[in-house]
C-alpha cells in the first residue's frame, strides 16, 4: 500500500532552484541596477551552491559544464541520509 501511495506523487512537478549566492542591497541600489552591473555575492567561488526544491534546501553541489550548458553535481544531501 505504501508503494502505491508514493506512486501517486512521483509525477508531481516541483520547482527546483540553485542558489549561487546572495547579497543585501538598499532599494536605492536595486533600482539603479543596469546592464553591466556587478554584484558581489556572499559565497566564495569555492563554496558549494545550494539546491532548493519548492524553496526548501535539499542538497549542496558544485557547478559543472554539460556541453554548452551549466549543470549541478550533487555533493551532499541536507536533512536525510544518502
Protein backbone atom coordinates (compact mmCIF):
# COMPACT_ATOMS: atom_id res chain seq x y z
CA UNK A 1 0.00 0.00 0.00
CA UNK A 2 2.86 2.41 0.81
CA UNK A 3 4.36 1.99 -2.68
CA UNK A 4 1.03 2.79 -4.34
CA UNK A 5 0.66 5.94 -2.23
CA UNK A 6 4.17 7.04 -3.22
CA UNK A 7 3.41 6.35 -6.90
CA UNK A 8 0.62 8.95 -6.73
CA UNK A 9 3.08 11.79 -6.12
CA UNK A 10 6.02 10.69 -8.28
CA UNK A 11 4.84 12.68 -11.35
CA UNK A 12 4.01 15.90 -9.50
CA UNK A 13 6.19 18.73 -10.80
CA UNK A 14 8.16 20.76 -8.26
CA UNK A 15 10.25 23.90 -8.61
CA UNK A 16 13.98 23.25 -8.47
CA UNK A 17 16.25 26.26 -7.92
CA UNK A 18 20.00 26.61 -7.49
CA UNK A 19 21.36 29.43 -5.33
CA UNK A 20 24.82 30.57 -6.30
CA UNK A 21 24.94 33.24 -3.60
CA UNK A 22 23.08 36.22 -2.26
CA UNK A 23 23.54 39.79 -1.13
CA UNK A 24 21.56 42.56 0.52
CA UNK A 25 21.12 45.91 -1.16
CA UNK A 26 19.17 49.02 -0.28
CA UNK A 27 16.22 49.57 -2.61
CA UNK A 28 18.03 52.64 -4.00
CA UNK A 29 20.81 50.38 -5.34
CA UNK A 30 18.33 47.79 -6.66
CA UNK A 31 16.55 50.50 -8.65
CA UNK A 32 19.91 51.67 -10.01
CA UNK A 33 20.86 48.22 -11.39
CA UNK A 34 21.69 48.34 -15.08
CA UNK A 35 23.23 46.01 -17.67
CA UNK A 36 26.88 45.54 -16.79
CA UNK A 37 26.35 45.97 -13.04
CA UNK A 38 28.42 43.53 -10.99
CA UNK A 39 27.08 42.34 -7.65
CA UNK A 40 29.35 40.78 -5.05
CA UNK A 41 27.70 37.68 -3.59
CA UNK A 42 28.08 36.29 -0.08
CA UNK A 43 29.60 32.97 -1.16
CA UNK A 44 33.11 32.46 -2.46
CA UNK A 45 33.83 30.64 -5.71
CA UNK A 46 34.99 27.55 -3.79
CA UNK A 47 31.78 27.17 -1.73
CA UNK A 48 29.00 24.81 -2.84
CA UNK A 49 25.83 26.08 -4.47
CA UNK A 50 22.53 25.36 -2.72
CA UNK A 51 19.80 23.24 -4.32
CA UNK A 52 16.23 24.08 -3.26
CA UNK A 53 13.04 22.14 -4.06
CA UNK A 54 9.92 24.26 -3.57
CA UNK A 55 12.04 26.76 -1.58
CA UNK A 56 13.33 24.07 0.81
CA UNK A 57 17.07 23.37 0.94
CA UNK A 58 17.63 19.73 -0.01
CA UNK A 59 21.24 19.49 -1.20
CA UNK A 60 24.55 21.19 -1.89
CA UNK A 61 26.60 20.79 -5.02
CA UNK A 62 29.08 22.19 -7.46
CA UNK A 63 28.57 23.84 -10.83
CA UNK A 64 29.73 21.77 -13.81
CA UNK A 65 29.62 22.26 -17.57
CA UNK A 66 27.41 19.89 -19.56
CA UNK A 67 28.24 20.69 -23.17
CA UNK A 68 27.45 24.39 -23.50
CA UNK A 69 25.11 24.43 -20.51
CA UNK A 70 25.57 24.58 -16.75
CA UNK A 71 24.72 21.63 -14.54
CA UNK A 72 24.96 20.77 -10.86
CA UNK A 73 26.81 17.80 -9.38
CA UNK A 74 25.16 16.98 -6.05
CA UNK A 75 27.80 16.55 -3.35
CA UNK A 76 25.71 16.40 -0.18
CA UNK A 77 22.06 15.90 0.76
CA UNK A 78 20.66 18.00 3.58
CA UNK A 79 18.38 16.52 6.23
CA UNK A 80 18.44 12.91 5.07
CA UNK A 81 20.93 10.07 4.86
CA UNK A 82 22.41 9.08 1.49
